Amino acid sequence: MFKCNMGTSDRAIRAVVGLVLISLVFIGPQTVWGWIGLVPLVTAAVGFCPAYRPLGLSTCKTKTS
């Protein structure tokens, strides 16, 4: 459905940031704002960032078009 526009390092960084933010729900300040970590975690899992498309960005090394 969507073409990959995220490279391996971009996906890894997003996964780590997502997990750290989600961990804030259970430890640390324990606020519901930690659930915003689902966004980078899902985009890392899928390999597609919707914000990259209108900006014309891609960190994926392979040609996607």
PDB file of N, CA and C in Angstrom:
ATOM      1  N   MET A   1       0.832  -1.181   0.000  1.00  0.00           N
ATOM      2  CA  MET A   1       0.000   0.000   0.000  1.00  0.00           C
ATOM      3  C   MET A   1       0.883   1.254   0.000  1.00  0.00           C
ATOM      4  N   PHE A   2       1.742   1.405   1.008  1.00  0.00           N
ATOM      5  CA  PHE A   2       2.648   2.539   1.066  1.00  0.00           C
ATOM      6  C   PHE A   2       4.057   2.062   0.754  1.00  0.00           C
ATOM      7  N   LYS A   3       4.807   2.897   0.086  1.00  0.00           N
ATOM      8  CA  LYS A   3       6.190   2.547  -0.220  1.00  0.00           C
ATOM      9  C   LYS A   3       7.072   2.977   0.947  1.00  0.00           C
ATOM     10  N   CYS A   4       8.086   2.189   1.202  1.00  0.00           N
ATOM     11  CA  CYS A   4       9.008   2.471   2.293  1.00  0.00           C
ATOM     12  C   CYS A   4       9.719   3.804   2.034  1.00  0.00           C
ATOM     13  N   ASN A   5       9.718   4.685   3.014  1.00  0.00           N
ATOM     14  CA  ASN A   5      10.456   5.938   2.894  1.00  0.00           C
ATOM     15  C   ASN A   5      11.340   6.184   4.121  1.00  0.00           C
ATOM     16  N   MET A   6      11.611   5.107   4.873  1.00  0.00           N
ATOM     17  CA  MET A   6      12.448   5.219   6.066  1.00  0.00           C
ATOM     18  C   MET A   6      13.572   4.192   5.994  1.00  0.00           C
ATOM     19  N   GLY A   7      14.779   4.647   6.286  1.00  0.00           N
ATOM     20  CA  GLY A   7      15.923   3.756   6.308  1.00  0.00           C
ATOM     21  C   GLY A   7      16.022   2.993   7.621  1.00  0.00           C
ATOM     22  N   THR A   8      16.991   2.102   7.681  1.00  0.00           N
ATOM     23  CA  THR A   8      17.163   1.248   8.853  1.00  0.00           C
ATOM     24  C   THR A   8      17.476   2.047  10.110  1.00  0.00           C
ATOM     25  N   SER A   9      18.388   2.997  10.016  1.00  0.00           N
ATOM     26  CA  SER A   9      18.746   3.781  11.208  1.00  0.00           C
ATOM     27  C   SER A   9      17.588   4.658  11.662  1.00  0.00           C
ATOM     28  N   ASP A  10      16.850   5.218  10.718  1.00  0.00           N
ATOM     29  CA  ASP A  10      15.670   6.029  11.052  1.00  0.00           C
ATOM     30  C   ASP A  10      14.639   5.182  11.794  1.00  0.00           C
ATOM     31  N   ARG A  11      14.418   3.968  11.317  1.00  0.00           N
ATOM     32  CA  ARG A  11      13.447   3.071  11.958  1.00  0.00           C
ATOM     33  C   ARG A  11      13.912   2.668  13.355  1.00  0.00           C
ATOM     34  N   ALA A  12      15.203   2.406  13.518  1.00  0.00           N
ATOM     35  CA  ALA A  12      15.733   2.010  14.825  1.00  0.00           C
ATOM     36  C   ALA A  12      15.605   3.138  15.834  1.00  0.00           C
ATOM     37  N   ILE A  13      15.932   4.353  15.415  1.00  0.00           N
ATOM     38  CA  ILE A  13      15.824   5.509  16.315  1.00  0.00           C
ATOM     39  C   ILE A  13      14.370   5.725  16.728  1.00  0.00           C
ATOM     40  N   ARG A  14      13.461   5.631  15.769  1.00  0.00           N
ATOM     41  CA  ARG A  14      12.041   5.806  16.085  1.00  0.00           C
ATOM     42  C   ARG A  14      11.529   4.728  17.040  1.00  0.00           C
ATOM     43  N   ALA A  15      11.990   3.496  16.856  1.00  0.00           N
ATOM     44  CA  ALA A  15      11.565   2.409  17.737  1.00  0.00           C
ATOM     45  C   ALA A  15      12.032   2.661  19.167  1.00  0.00           C
ATOM     46  N   VAL A  16      13.277   3.089  19.320  1.00  0.00           N
ATOM     47  CA  VAL A  16      13.812   3.364  20.659  1.00  0.00           C
ATOM     48  C   VAL A  16      13.064   4.536  21.300  1.00  0.00           C
ATOM     49  N   VAL A  17      12.863   5.603  20.543  1.00  0.00           N
ATOM     50  CA  VAL A  17      12.138   6.769  21.081  1.00  0.00           C
ATOM     51  C   VAL A  17      10.717   6.374  21.467  1.00  0.00           C
ATOM     52  N   GLY A  18      10.069   5.581  20.631  1.00  0.00           N
ATOM     53  CA  GLY A  18       8.708   5.140  20.930  1.00  0.00           C
ATOM     54  C   GLY A  18       8.645   4.319  22.208  1.00  0.00           C
ATOM     55  N   LEU A  19       9.580   3.388  22.367  1.00  0.00           N
ATOM     56  CA  LEU A  19       9.601   2.566  23.578  1.00  0.00           C
ATOM     57  C   LEU A  19       9.889   3.390  24.822  1.00  0.00           C
ATOM     58  N   VAL A  20      10.783   4.363  24.705  1.00  0.00           N
ATOM     59  CA  VAL A  20      11.082   5.230  25.850  1.00  0.00           C
ATOM     60  C   VAL A  20       9.845   6.040  26.243  1.00  0.00           C
ATOM     61  N   LEU A  21       9.161   6.592  25.255  1.00  0.00           N
ATOM     62  CA  LEU A  21       7.959   7.378  25.561  1.00  0.00           C
ATOM     63  C   LEU A  21       6.865   6.509  26.181  1.00  0.00           C
ATOM     64  N   ILE A  22       6.677   5.312  25.655  1.00  0.00           N
ATOM     65  CA  ILE A  22       5.664   4.418  26.222  1.00  0.00           C
ATOM     66  C   ILE A  22       6.039   4.010  27.643  1.00  0.00           C
ATOM     67  N   SER A  23       7.325   3.860  27.911  1.00  0.00           N
ATOM     68  CA  SER A  23       7.752   3.488  29.267  1.00  0.00           C
ATOM     69  C   SER A  23       7.394   4.566  30.283  1.00  0.00           C
ATOM     70  N   LEU A  24       7.235   5.805  29.829  1.00  0.00           N
ATOM     71  CA  LEU A  24       6.847   6.887  30.735  1.00  0.00           C
ATOM     72  C   LEU A  24       5.443   6.691  31.299  1.00  0.00           C
ATOM     73  N   VAL A  25       4.636   5.877  30.635  1.00  0.00           N
ATOM     74  CA  VAL A  25       3.293   5.594  31.132  1.00  0.00           C
ATOM     75  C   VAL A  25       3.375   4.736  32.395  1.00  0.00           C
ATOM     76  N   PHE A  26       4.388   3.871  32.451  1.00  0.00           N
ATOM     77  CA  PHE A  26       4.488   2.915  33.548  1.00  0.00           C
ATOM     78  C   PHE A  26       5.503   3.314  34.618  1.00  0.00           C
ATOM     79  N   ILE A  27       6.569   3.995  34.214  1.00  0.00           N
ATOM     80  CA  ILE A  27       7.577   4.460  35.171  1.00  0.00           C
ATOM     81  C   ILE A  27       7.808   5.950  34.949  1.00  0.00           C
ATOM     82  N   GLY A  28       8.534   6.572  35.811  1.00  0.00           N
ATOM     83  CA  GLY A  28       8.795   8.008  35.656  1.00  0.00           C
ATOM     84  C   GLY A  28       7.585   8.817  36.073  1.00  0.00           C
ATOM     85  N   PRO A  29       7.228   9.838  35.275  1.00  0.00           N
ATOM     86  CA  PRO A  29       6.116  10.717  35.671  1.00  0.00           C
ATOM     87  C   PRO A  29       4.735  10.060  35.568  1.00  0.00           C
ATOM     88  N   GLN A  30       4.631   8.921  34.900  1.00  0.00           N
ATOM     89  CA  GLN A  30       3.393   8.157  34.753  1.00  0.00           C
ATOM     90  C   GLN A  30       2.232   9.015  34.230  1.00  0.00           C
ATOM     91  N   THR A  31       2.474   9.657  33.098  1.00  0.00           N
ATOM     92  CA  THR A  31       1.420  10.450  32.462  1.00  0.00           C
ATOM     93  C   THR A  31       0.919   9.728  31.221  1.00  0.00           C
ATOM     94  N   VAL A  32      -0.291  10.059  30.814  1.00  0.00           N
ATOM     95  CA  VAL A  32      -0.865   9.443  29.617  1.00  0.00           C
ATOM     96  C   VAL A  32      -0.190   9.956  28.348  1.00  0.00           C
ATOM     97  N   TRP A  33       0.563  11.021  28.424  1.00  0.00           N
ATOM     98  CA  TRP A  33       1.256  11.560  27.256  1.00  0.00           C
ATOM     99  C   TRP A  33       2.295  10.584  26.713  1.00  0.00           C
ATOM    100  N   GLY A  34       2.689   9.618  27.501  1.00  0.00           N
ATOM    101  CA  GLY A  34       3.639   8.616  27.036  1.00  0.00           C
ATOM    102  C   GLY A  34       3.090   7.778  25.898  1.00  0.00           C
ATOM    103  N   TRP A  35       1.771   7.684  25.784  1.00  0.00           N
ATOM    104  CA  TRP A  35       1.160   6.892  24.707  1.00  0.00           C
ATOM    105  C   TRP A  35       1.419   7.492  23.336  1.00  0.00           C
ATOM    106  N   ILE A  36       1.872   8.749  23.287  1.00  0.00           N
ATOM    107  CA  ILE A  36       2.236   9.352  22.003  1.00  0.00           C
ATOM    108  C   ILE A  36       3.402   8.579  21.377  1.00  0.00           C
ATOM    109  N   GLY A  37       4.085   7.778  22.190  1.00  0.00           N
ATOM    110  CA  GLY A  37       5.167   6.935  21.702  1.00  0.00           C
ATOM    111  C   GLY A  37       4.702   5.870  20.727  1.00  0.00           C
ATOM    112  N   LEU A  38       3.411   5.622  20.666  1.00  0.00           N
ATOM    113  CA  LEU A  38       2.885   4.666  19.691  1.00  0.00           C
ATOM    114  C   LEU A  38       3.101   5.146  18.252  1.00  0.00           C
ATOM    115  N   VAL A  39       3.103   6.452  18.048  1.00  0.00           N
ATOM    116  CA  VAL A  39       3.266   6.998  16.701  1.00  0.00           C
ATOM    117  C   VAL A  39       4.633   6.632  16.117  1.00  0.00           C
ATOM    118  N   PRO A  40       5.748   6.974  16.789  1.00  0.00           N
ATOM    119  CA  PRO A  40       7.033   6.569  16.203  1.00  0.00           C
ATOM    120  C   PRO A  40       7.227   5.054  16.179  1.00  0.00           C
ATOM    121  N   LEU A  41       6.628   4.356  17.127  1.00  0.00           N
ATOM    122  CA  LEU A  41       6.765   2.905  17.150  1.00  0.00           C
ATOM    123  C   LEU A  41       6.049   2.259  15.959  1.00  0.00           C
ATOM    124  N   VAL A  42       4.865   2.729  15.642  1.00  0.00           N
ATOM    125  CA  VAL A  42       4.119   2.186  14.497  1.00  0.00           C
ATOM    126  C   VAL A  42       4.789   2.562  13.176  1.00  0.00           C
ATOM    127  N   THR A  43       5.240   3.819  13.058  1.00  0.00           N
ATOM    128  CA  THR A  43       5.898   4.208  11.809  1.00  0.00           C
ATOM    129  C   THR A  43       7.195   3.424  11.612  1.00  0.00           C
ATOM    130  N   ALA A  44       7.884   3.112  12.694  1.00  0.00           N
ATOM    131  CA  ALA A  44       9.099   2.296  12.587  1.00  0.00           C
ATOM    132  C   ALA A  44       8.755   0.881  12.147  1.00  0.00           C
ATOM    133  N   ALA A  45       7.685   0.329  12.672  1.00  0.00           N
ATOM    134  CA  ALA A  45       7.289  -1.033  12.314  1.00  0.00           C
ATOM    135  C   ALA A  45       6.843  -1.131  10.858  1.00  0.00           C
ATOM    136  N   VAL A  46       6.150  -0.112  10.386  1.00  0.00           N
ATOM    137  CA  VAL A  46       5.616  -0.120   9.025  1.00  0.00           C
ATOM    138  C   VAL A  46       6.677   0.306   8.005  1.00  0.00           C
ATOM    139  N   GLY A  47       7.577   1.199   8.408  1.00  0.00           N
ATOM    140  CA  GLY A  47       8.608   1.691   7.497  1.00  0.00           C
ATOM    141  C   GLY A  47       8.159   2.858   6.644  1.00  0.00           C
ATOM    142  N   PHE A  48       7.062   3.475   7.021  1.00  0.00           N
ATOM    143  CA  PHE A  48       6.508   4.590   6.265  1.00  0.00           C
ATOM    144  C   PHE A  48       6.161   5.725   7.206  1.00  0.00           C
ATOM    145  N   CYS A  49       6.632   6.925   6.885  1.00  0.00           N
ATOM    146  CA  CYS A  49       6.301   8.110   7.675  1.00  0.00           C
ATOM    147  C   CYS A  49       5.424   9.029   6.822  1.00  0.00           C
ATOM    148  N   PRO A  50       4.174   9.240   7.225  1.00  0.00           N
ATOM    149  CA  PRO A  50       3.277  10.081   6.430  1.00  0.00           C
ATOM    150  C   PRO A  50       3.768  11.525   6.296  1.00  0.00           C
ATOM    151  N   ALA A  51       4.507  12.026   7.265  1.00  0.00           N
ATOM    152  CA  ALA A  51       4.996  13.407   7.205  1.00  0.00           C
ATOM    153  C   ALA A  51       6.106  13.571   6.168  1.00  0.00           C
ATOM    154  N   TYR A  52       6.792  12.508   5.830  1.00  0.00           N
ATOM    155  CA  TYR A  52       7.860  12.594   4.838  1.00  0.00           C
ATOM    156  C   TYR A  52       7.323  12.828   3.426  1.00  0.00           C
ATOM    157  N   ARG A  53       6.157  12.288   3.117  1.00  0.00           N
ATOM    158  CA  ARG A  53       5.623  12.372   1.753  1.00  0.00           C
ATOM    159  C   ARG A  53       5.414  13.813   1.280  1.00  0.00           C
ATOM    160  N   PRO A  54       4.672  14.670   1.991  1.00  0.00           N
ATOM    161  CA  PRO A  54       4.480  16.032   1.479  1.00  0.00           C
ATOM    162  C   PRO A  54       5.772  16.853   1.464  1.00  0.00           C
ATOM    163  N   LEU A  55       6.724  16.463   2.331  1.00  0.00           N
ATOM    164  CA  LEU A  55       7.995  17.180   2.366  1.00  0.00           C
ATOM    165  C   LEU A  55       8.993  16.649   1.335  1.00  0.00           C
ATOM    166  N   GLY A  56       8.650  15.535   0.711  1.00  0.00           N
ATOM    167  CA  GLY A  56       9.520  14.947  -0.297  1.00  0.00           C
ATOM    168  C   GLY A  56      10.779  14.316   0.275  1.00  0.00           C
ATOM    169  N   LEU A  57      10.720  13.884   1.538  1.00  0.00           N
ATOM    170  CA  LEU A  57      11.874  13.301   2.194  1.00  0.00           C
ATOM    171  C   LEU A  57      11.835  11.774   2.119  1.00  0.00           C
ATOM    172  N   SER A  58      13.017  11.185   2.161  1.00  0.00           N
ATOM    173  CA  SER A  58      13.134   9.736   2.237  1.00  0.00           C
ATOM    174  C   SER A  58      14.512   9.408   2.784  1.00  0.00           C
ATOM    175  N   THR A  59      14.554   8.538   3.797  1.00  0.00           N
ATOM    176  CA  THR A  59      15.825   8.089   4.321  1.00  0.00           C
ATOM    177  C   THR A  59      16.114   6.667   3.878  1.00  0.00           C
ATOM    178  N   CYS A  60      15.234   6.125   3.063  1.00  0.00           N
ATOM    179  CA  CYS A  60      15.393   4.769   2.533  1.00  0.00           C
ATOM    180  C   CYS A  60      16.426   4.805   1.407  1.00  0.00           C
ATOM    181  N   LYS A  61      17.377   3.884   1.440  1.00  0.00           N
ATOM    182  CA  LYS A  61      18.449   3.899   0.441  1.00  0.00           C
ATOM    183  C   LYS A  61      18.006   3.403  -0.924  1.00  0.00           C
ATOM    184  N   THR A  62      16.973   2.581  -0.972  1.00  0.00           N
ATOM    185  CA  THR A  62      16.516   2.057  -2.256  1.00  0.00           C
ATOM    186  C   THR A  62      15.570   3.051  -2.915  1.00  0.00           C
ATOM    187  N   LYS A  63      15.548   3.036  -4.211  1.00  0.00           N
ATOM    188  CA  LYS A  63      14.658   3.901  -4.973  1.00  0.00           C
ATOM    189  C   LYS A  63      13.230   3.427  -4.784  1.00  0.00           C
ATOM    190  N   THR A  64      12.301   4.330  -4.375  1.00  0.00           N
ATOM    191  CA  THR A  64      10.923   3.933  -4.064  1.00  0.00           C
ATOM    192  C   THR A  64       9.936   4.319  -5.153  1.00  0.00           C
ATOM    193  N   SER A  65      10.338   5.027  -6.170  1.00  0.00           N
ATOM    194  CA  SER A  65       9.351   5.417  -7.181  1.00  0.00           C
ATOM    195  C   SER A  65       9.647   4.870  -8.534  1.00  0.00           C
TER     196      SER A  65
END
